[in-house]
């Protein structure tokens, strides 16, 4: 009986060890995303997640990272800053991610920084959408795209080549300090390109406030030749519609925070015609370099029942995943605490015609900015 009992205990212990070994063998490196997956801005964050999963799945086919699979876990914050913090805290506790990625929104990221969750968990956020100057400089946040200064500089220099030197700025609702920082940034870059920032107008919620914003632009003397919009897709669409319907005739330029594909679906061709938007990743509709071709070839291999629609946000998510995986591969042993150093070690990383470098003192890894424009037929060209 004693021998039988010992044999049973041995078998039980062996089963526990085998189960633990199997669990370790099939462990996943979790990347956590908290973003608006429902509501007006859900299209961008969902497409961004699709781009990340597209690359993660391809890496998993080749053995993953350090022998373990990659898995993206997403949670919906419904655009609420409070939910961003709440859902991030939940995922940090439950999913034990090695990194965060694909966050959206100025106020959402401000709330996350204020919560101190990133410092407490010793974790980095890689890839996000924000035009908040404080967010863009936060040491725990790594952007794998060009920053707002590079986008504005590109637009300002382009306007100078066209002889458009009188510019107005429209921006979405933000704190007084942040509005001041944004205005100073745009003003300095426009001046450096030989132009002049004549007016800066906040685009707030509410019909009365929006009518006042349009009126101030229309009454300004001298009139602006171009209007730069730094706002989300819904806010940009609302401004563009109101401005054009009130007879606004200036050229409209927007930063990449306004998704051109979303604008094109929200607004008729006659309102979109001539609108130009900065893009921070290569054109996903063309195979002009190795990165584009790789992305498009991989998409073509996906099952027909996969609802994947090509877009700039999807391409950006794909690029972000490539940079994140490169940093993970450089980190041994891999942990959230060590990942930041590996990200900062990335210098002149060629993703196939798209270069990434995290220079000392900068949280933006790329300087790539291109301009797309909606032509007379409503098609996006570059």
Protein backbone atom coordinates (compact mmCIF):
# COMPACT_ATOMS: atom_id res chain seq x y z
CA UNK A 1 0.00 0.00 0.00
CA UNK A 2 2.83 2.38 0.91
CA UNK A 3 4.58 1.62 -2.41
CA UNK A 4 1.35 2.20 -4.31
CA UNK A 5 0.79 5.49 -2.48
CA UNK A 6 4.33 6.66 -3.26
CA UNK A 7 3.90 5.69 -6.91
CA UNK A 8 0.67 7.69 -7.11
CA UNK A 9 2.32 10.74 -5.53
CA UNK A 10 5.22 10.44 -7.97
CA UNK A 11 2.85 10.27 -10.93
CA UNK A 12 0.89 13.26 -9.64
CA UNK A 13 4.08 15.29 -9.17
CA UNK A 14 5.25 14.30 -12.64
CA UNK A 15 1.91 15.35 -14.11
CA UNK A 16 2.16 18.75 -12.41
CA UNK A 17 5.71 19.27 -13.72
CA UNK A 18 4.68 18.25 -17.24
CA UNK A 19 1.67 20.56 -17.13
CA UNK A 20 3.84 23.45 -15.96
CA UNK A 21 6.40 22.72 -18.67
CA UNK A 22 3.66 22.62 -21.30
CA UNK A 23 2.31 25.92 -20.00
CA UNK A 24 5.75 27.51 -20.28
CA UNK A 25 6.31 26.00 -23.70
CA UNK A 26 3.08 27.51 -24.95
CA UNK A 27 3.37 30.85 -23.12
CA UNK A 28 2.55 33.95 -25.12
CA UNK A 29 4.23 37.33 -25.21
CA UNK A 30 1.21 39.56 -24.68
CA UNK A 31 0.98 43.05 -26.17
CA UNK A 32 -1.96 44.99 -24.72
CA UNK A 33 -4.00 47.66 -26.50
CA UNK A 34 -6.61 49.90 -24.90
CA UNK A 35 -8.37 52.04 -27.49
CA UNK A 36 -11.81 53.10 -28.76
CA UNK A 37 -13.12 49.92 -30.39
CA UNK A 38 -16.65 51.33 -30.55
CA UNK A 39 -17.84 54.81 -31.45
CA UNK A 40 -16.79 57.47 -33.95
CA UNK A 41 -13.02 56.86 -33.77
CA UNK A 42 -13.13 53.06 -33.67
CA UNK A 43 -12.26 52.62 -37.36
CA UNK A 44 -8.67 53.82 -36.91
CA UNK A 45 -7.89 51.86 -33.75
CA UNK A 46 -9.40 48.64 -35.14
CA UNK A 47 -7.41 48.96 -38.37
CA UNK A 48 -4.26 49.67 -36.35
CA UNK A 49 -4.87 46.47 -34.37
CA UNK A 50 -5.42 44.50 -37.58
CA UNK A 51 -2.05 45.70 -38.86
CA UNK A 52 -0.30 44.60 -35.69
CA UNK A 53 -1.98 41.19 -35.70
CA UNK A 54 -1.09 40.74 -39.37
CA UNK A 55 2.62 40.93 -38.55
CA UNK A 56 2.39 39.10 -35.22
CA UNK A 57 0.70 36.15 -36.94
CA UNK A 58 3.45 36.02 -39.55
CA UNK A 59 6.14 36.05 -36.85
CA UNK A 60 4.32 33.27 -34.99
CA UNK A 61 4.49 31.07 -38.10
CA UNK A 62 8.28 31.29 -37.85
CA UNK A 63 8.46 30.40 -34.17
CA UNK A 64 7.51 33.67 -32.52
CA UNK A 65 10.00 35.64 -30.42
CA UNK A 66 12.51 33.66 -28.35
CA UNK A 67 10.41 30.59 -29.03
CA UNK A 68 7.10 31.97 -27.73
CA UNK A 69 4.09 33.26 -29.62
CA UNK A 70 2.94 36.86 -29.80
CA UNK A 71 -0.61 37.74 -28.87
CA UNK A 72 -2.41 41.09 -29.06
CA UNK A 73 -5.06 41.61 -26.39
CA UNK A 74 -7.36 44.60 -26.98
CA UNK A 75 -9.83 46.33 -24.66
CA UNK A 76 -12.39 49.01 -25.49
CA UNK A 77 -12.13 52.33 -23.64
CA UNK A 78 -15.01 53.82 -25.68
CA UNK A 79 -12.95 57.00 -25.98
CA UNK A 80 -13.19 57.66 -22.24
CA UNK A 81 -9.94 58.65 -20.46
CA UNK A 82 -11.21 57.07 -17.24
CA UNK A 83 -11.82 53.79 -19.08
CA UNK A 84 -8.35 53.98 -20.64
CA UNK A 85 -6.81 53.96 -17.17
CA UNK A 86 -9.25 51.36 -15.81
CA UNK A 87 -8.82 48.93 -18.71
CA UNK A 88 -5.04 49.37 -18.74
CA UNK A 89 -4.87 48.56 -15.04
CA UNK A 90 -7.01 45.47 -15.60
CA UNK A 91 -4.89 44.18 -18.48
CA UNK A 92 -1.67 44.82 -16.58
CA UNK A 93 -2.97 42.64 -13.77
CA UNK A 94 -4.67 39.92 -15.83
CA UNK A 95 -2.69 39.63 -19.07
CA UNK A 96 0.80 40.54 -17.78
CA UNK A 97 1.81 42.22 -21.06
CA UNK A 98 5.40 42.78 -22.08
CA UNK A 99 4.39 46.04 -23.78
CA UNK A 100 1.41 48.30 -24.48
CA UNK A 101 0.64 49.49 -28.01
CA UNK A 102 -1.93 51.18 -30.23
CA UNK A 103 -3.43 53.77 -27.86
CA UNK A 104 -5.46 56.73 -29.16
CA UNK A 105 -6.46 60.19 -27.91
CA UNK A 106 -4.88 63.22 -26.27
CA UNK A 107 -6.96 63.13 -23.09
CA UNK A 108 -6.72 59.35 -22.89
CA UNK A 109 -2.94 59.36 -22.97
CA UNK A 110 -2.76 62.32 -20.60
CA UNK A 111 -4.89 60.38 -18.12
CA UNK A 112 -2.68 57.32 -18.52
CA UNK A 113 0.45 59.36 -17.80
CA UNK A 114 -1.20 61.01 -14.79
CA UNK A 115 -2.15 57.59 -13.39
CA UNK A 116 1.55 56.60 -13.11
CA UNK A 117 0.62 53.07 -14.20
CA UNK A 118 3.46 52.93 -16.71
CA UNK A 119 6.10 53.75 -14.09
CA UNK A 120 4.56 51.41 -11.52
CA UNK A 121 4.51 48.50 -13.98
CA UNK A 122 7.87 49.41 -15.58
CA UNK A 123 6.29 49.05 -19.00
CA UNK A 124 6.58 50.97 -22.27
CA UNK A 125 3.83 52.04 -24.64
CA UNK A 126 4.96 51.57 -28.24
CA UNK A 127 2.85 53.23 -30.93
CA UNK A 128 0.06 55.71 -30.27
CA UNK A 129 -1.96 58.58 -31.75
CA UNK A 130 -1.72 61.95 -30.02
CA UNK A 131 -0.98 65.57 -30.87
CA UNK A 132 -0.41 66.56 -27.24
CA UNK A 133 3.08 67.98 -26.76
CA UNK A 134 3.46 66.55 -23.25
CA UNK A 135 2.46 63.08 -24.44
CA UNK A 136 4.89 63.24 -27.36
CA UNK A 137 7.79 63.85 -24.97
CA UNK A 138 6.93 61.27 -22.28
CA UNK A 139 9.90 58.89 -21.77
CA UNK A 140 7.65 55.83 -21.34
CA UNK A 141 6.02 56.36 -24.75
CA UNK A 142 7.73 55.41 -28.01
CA UNK A 143 6.32 56.55 -31.35
CA UNK A 144 7.33 54.53 -34.40
CA UNK A 145 6.14 57.30 -36.71
CA UNK A 146 7.11 60.90 -37.31
CA UNK A 147 6.05 63.37 -34.63
CA UNK A 148 3.78 66.38 -34.94
CA UNK A 149 6.72 68.79 -35.49
CA UNK A 150 7.84 66.80 -38.56
CA UNK A 151 4.31 66.78 -39.97
CA UNK A 152 3.82 70.52 -39.50
CA UNK A 153 7.27 71.25 -40.92
CA UNK A 154 6.49 69.20 -44.04
CA UNK A 155 3.22 71.06 -44.59
CA UNK A 156 4.77 74.48 -43.94
CA UNK A 157 7.60 73.87 -46.42
CA UNK A 158 5.16 72.57 -49.02
CA UNK A 159 2.98 75.67 -48.64
CA UNK A 160 6.04 77.86 -49.07
CA UNK A 161 6.83 76.20 -52.42
CA UNK A 162 3.27 77.02 -53.52
CA UNK A 163 3.61 80.63 -52.44
CA UNK A 164 0.97 80.23 -49.72
CA UNK A 165 2.40 82.19 -46.82
CA UNK A 166 -0.70 83.23 -44.84
CA UNK A 167 -1.84 80.39 -42.59
CA UNK A 168 -4.56 79.81 -39.99
CA UNK A 169 -4.58 77.01 -37.41
CA UNK A 170 -7.65 75.07 -36.26
CA UNK A 171 -7.19 72.58 -33.42
CA UNK A 172 -9.44 70.34 -31.37
CA UNK A 173 -10.36 71.15 -27.79
CA UNK A 174 -7.43 70.95 -25.36
CA UNK A 175 -6.10 72.65 -22.24
CA UNK A 176 -4.97 76.27 -22.35
CA UNK A 177 -1.33 75.30 -21.81
CA UNK A 178 -1.47 72.64 -24.52
CA UNK A 179 -3.17 75.03 -26.96
CA UNK A 180 -0.43 77.57 -26.30
CA UNK A 181 2.32 74.98 -26.86
CA UNK A 182 0.72 73.84 -30.11
CA UNK A 183 0.28 77.38 -31.39
CA UNK A 184 3.90 78.23 -30.59
CA UNK A 185 5.12 75.10 -32.37
CA UNK A 186 3.09 75.77 -35.52
CA UNK A 187 3.95 79.47 -35.49
CA UNK A 188 7.69 78.85 -35.25
CA UNK A 189 7.69 76.26 -38.05
CA UNK A 190 5.56 78.40 -40.34
CA UNK A 191 7.80 81.42 -39.71
CA UNK A 192 10.92 79.33 -40.40
CA UNK A 193 9.45 78.47 -43.81
CA UNK A 194 8.82 82.11 -44.64
CA UNK A 195 5.13 82.15 -43.75
CA UNK A 196 2.96 83.78 -41.11
CA UNK A 197 0.42 82.30 -38.71
CA UNK A 198 -2.43 84.82 -38.82
CA UNK A 199 -4.99 83.13 -36.60
CA UNK A 200 -5.47 80.14 -34.33
CA UNK A 201 -8.94 78.88 -33.51
CA UNK A 202 -10.10 76.05 -31.21
CA UNK A 203 -12.75 73.70 -32.62
CA UNK A 204 -15.01 72.99 -29.66
CA UNK A 205 -18.17 70.95 -29.26
CA UNK A 206 -21.46 72.78 -29.74
CA UNK A 207 -23.02 74.62 -32.65
CA UNK A 208 -22.53 78.09 -31.20
CA UNK A 209 -18.82 77.61 -30.54
CA UNK A 210 -18.28 76.13 -34.00
CA UNK A 211 -20.14 78.95 -35.73
CA UNK A 212 -17.96 81.43 -33.83
CA UNK A 213 -14.81 79.59 -34.98
CA UNK A 214 -15.86 79.70 -38.64
CA UNK A 215 -16.88 83.34 -38.33
CA UNK A 216 -13.50 84.35 -36.89
CA UNK A 217 -11.72 82.66 -39.79
CA UNK A 218 -13.97 84.29 -42.37
CA UNK A 219 -13.64 87.76 -40.85
CA UNK A 220 -9.86 87.67 -40.42
CA UNK A 221 -7.93 90.25 -42.44
CA UNK A 222 -5.84 89.52 -44.32
CA UNK A 223 -7.50 86.25 -45.22
CA UNK A 224 -5.60 83.02 -44.68
CA UNK A 225 -4.56 81.25 -47.88
CA UNK A 226 -4.40 77.89 -46.12
CA UNK A 227 -5.90 76.37 -42.99
CA UNK A 228 -4.01 73.74 -41.00
CA UNK A 229 -6.24 71.37 -39.02
CA UNK A 230 -4.80 69.47 -36.05
CA UNK A 231 -7.72 67.36 -34.86
CA UNK A 232 -9.27 63.91 -34.85
CA UNK A 233 -11.11 62.54 -37.88
CA UNK A 234 -14.62 63.38 -36.56
CA UNK A 235 -13.59 66.91 -35.57
CA UNK A 236 -11.74 67.48 -38.86
CA UNK A 237 -14.75 66.29 -40.86
CA UNK A 238 -17.11 68.54 -38.89
CA UNK A 239 -14.85 71.56 -39.40
CA UNK A 240 -14.31 70.92 -43.10
CA UNK A 241 -18.03 70.55 -43.76
CA UNK A 242 -18.96 73.69 -41.82
CA UNK A 243 -16.11 75.73 -43.32
CA UNK A 244 -16.89 74.83 -46.92
CA UNK A 245 -20.65 75.31 -46.51
CA UNK A 246 -19.99 78.80 -45.15
CA UNK A 247 -17.94 79.66 -48.22
CA UNK A 248 -14.48 79.00 -46.82
CA UNK A 249 -12.17 78.87 -49.82
CA UNK A 250 -8.68 78.48 -48.33
CA UNK A 251 -6.65 75.36 -49.00
CA UNK A 252 -7.17 72.88 -46.15
CA UNK A 253 -4.28 70.80 -44.81
CA UNK A 254 -4.52 68.34 -41.95
CA UNK A 255 -2.10 66.29 -39.90
CA UNK A 256 -2.29 62.50 -39.88
CA UNK A 257 -4.58 62.59 -36.83
CA UNK A 258 -7.31 63.05 -39.45
CA UNK A 259 -7.63 59.75 -41.32
CA UNK A 260 -8.12 60.54 -45.00
CA UNK A 261 -10.09 57.35 -45.65
CA UNK A 262 -12.55 58.21 -42.89
CA UNK A 263 -12.97 61.75 -44.17
CA UNK A 264 -13.64 60.43 -47.66
CA UNK A 265 -16.45 58.22 -46.37
CA UNK A 266 -17.96 60.94 -44.17
CA UNK A 267 -17.95 63.80 -46.68
CA UNK A 268 -19.05 64.20 -50.32
CA UNK A 269 -16.46 64.67 -53.06
CA UNK A 270 -17.23 68.36 -53.51
CA UNK A 271 -16.21 69.06 -49.90
CA UNK A 272 -13.14 66.81 -49.95
CA UNK A 273 -11.73 68.04 -53.26
CA UNK A 274 -8.30 69.61 -52.78
CA UNK A 275 -7.90 68.57 -49.14
CA UNK A 276 -4.35 67.49 -48.32
CA UNK A 277 -3.39 65.29 -45.37
CA UNK A 278 0.01 64.37 -43.97
CA UNK A 279 0.79 60.65 -43.97
CA UNK A 280 3.40 59.15 -41.65
CA UNK A 281 3.72 55.72 -43.28
CA UNK A 282 4.22 54.75 -46.93
CA UNK A 283 1.17 54.44 -49.19
CA UNK A 284 -0.45 51.05 -48.44
CA UNK A 285 -2.12 50.98 -51.87
CA UNK A 286 1.16 50.83 -53.78
CA UNK A 287 4.14 48.48 -53.89
CA UNK A 288 6.75 51.20 -54.31
CA UNK A 289 9.29 49.73 -51.88
CA UNK A 290 10.04 46.52 -50.03
CA UNK A 291 7.90 47.40 -47.01
CA UNK A 292 4.82 48.16 -49.13
CA UNK A 293 5.28 44.99 -51.16
CA UNK A 294 5.74 42.85 -48.06
CA UNK A 295 2.59 44.32 -46.52
CA UNK A 296 0.47 43.86 -49.63
CA UNK A 297 1.77 40.35 -50.34
CA UNK A 298 0.97 39.30 -46.79
CA UNK A 299 -2.53 40.74 -47.05
CA UNK A 300 -3.10 38.82 -50.27
CA UNK A 301 -2.35 35.56 -48.44
CA UNK A 302 -5.08 36.10 -45.85
CA UNK A 303 -8.22 33.91 -46.00
CA UNK A 304 -11.11 35.36 -47.97
CA UNK A 305 -13.31 35.41 -44.88
CA UNK A 306 -10.90 37.77 -43.11
CA UNK A 307 -12.48 41.23 -43.19
CA UNK A 308 -9.25 43.18 -43.78
CA UNK A 309 -9.58 46.47 -45.63
CA UNK A 310 -6.33 48.17 -46.63
CA UNK A 311 -5.82 51.55 -44.97
CA UNK A 312 -3.14 53.90 -43.67
CA UNK A 313 -3.92 53.02 -40.00
CA UNK A 314 -3.50 49.31 -40.81
CA UNK A 315 -0.15 50.00 -42.43
CA UNK A 316 0.87 52.04 -39.40
CA UNK A 317 -0.07 49.20 -37.05
CA UNK A 318 1.97 46.82 -39.20
CA UNK A 319 5.01 49.12 -39.05
CA UNK A 320 4.59 49.51 -35.31
CA UNK A 321 4.50 45.74 -34.83
CA UNK A 322 7.72 45.32 -36.84
CA UNK A 323 9.57 47.82 -34.65
CA UNK A 324 8.19 46.30 -31.46
CA UNK A 325 9.18 42.77 -32.50
CA UNK A 326 12.69 43.96 -33.39
CA UNK A 327 13.06 45.46 -29.91
CA UNK A 328 11.73 42.26 -28.32
CA UNK A 329 14.23 40.15 -30.24
CA UNK A 330 17.05 42.37 -28.98
CA UNK A 331 15.95 41.92 -25.36
CA UNK A 332 17.36 38.85 -23.59
CA UNK A 333 15.94 37.85 -21.26
CA UNK A 334 12.81 39.58 -22.47
CA UNK A 335 10.86 41.58 -19.90
CA UNK A 336 8.83 44.77 -19.88
CA UNK A 337 11.52 46.41 -17.74
CA UNK A 338 14.30 45.71 -20.27
CA UNK A 339 12.35 46.54 -23.42
CA UNK A 340 12.80 50.32 -23.20
CA UNK A 341 16.59 50.02 -23.44
CA UNK A 342 16.26 47.84 -26.54
CA UNK A 343 13.93 50.37 -28.15
CA UNK A 344 16.42 53.15 -27.51
CA UNK A 345 19.16 51.00 -29.05
CA UNK A 346 17.39 51.02 -32.43
CA UNK A 347 19.46 53.10 -34.86
CA UNK A 348 19.00 53.22 -38.64
CA UNK A 349 16.66 50.23 -38.71
CA UNK A 350 15.56 49.67 -42.32
CA UNK A 351 12.09 48.13 -42.51
CA UNK A 352 12.23 48.13 -46.29
CA UNK A 353 12.49 51.77 -47.30
CA UNK A 354 11.14 53.07 -43.99
CA UNK A 355 13.88 53.93 -41.50
CA UNK A 356 13.57 54.01 -37.72
CA UNK A 357 16.00 55.65 -35.29
CA UNK A 358 15.37 56.63 -31.69
CA UNK A 359 17.80 59.50 -31.33
CA UNK A 360 18.89 60.61 -27.88
CA UNK A 361 16.21 62.83 -26.34
CA UNK A 362 13.57 61.92 -28.93
CA UNK A 363 10.62 59.56 -28.50
CA UNK A 364 9.75 59.62 -32.22
CA UNK A 365 11.48 56.94 -34.27
CA UNK A 366 10.81 58.21 -37.78
CA UNK A 367 10.88 61.40 -39.80
CA UNK A 368 8.93 60.03 -42.77
CA UNK A 369 6.11 62.36 -43.86
CA UNK A 370 4.33 62.39 -47.19
CA UNK A 371 1.36 64.44 -48.37
CA UNK A 372 -1.74 62.95 -49.95
CA UNK A 373 -4.41 65.00 -51.71
CA UNK A 374 -7.97 64.35 -52.82
CA UNK A 375 -8.25 65.06 -56.56
CA UNK A 376 -11.25 66.31 -58.55
CA UNK A 377 -12.64 62.77 -58.84
CA UNK A 378 -12.42 62.20 -55.10
CA UNK A 379 -9.44 59.86 -55.32
CA UNK A 380 -6.48 60.02 -52.96
CA UNK A 381 -3.22 60.79 -54.77
CA UNK A 382 0.32 61.70 -53.73
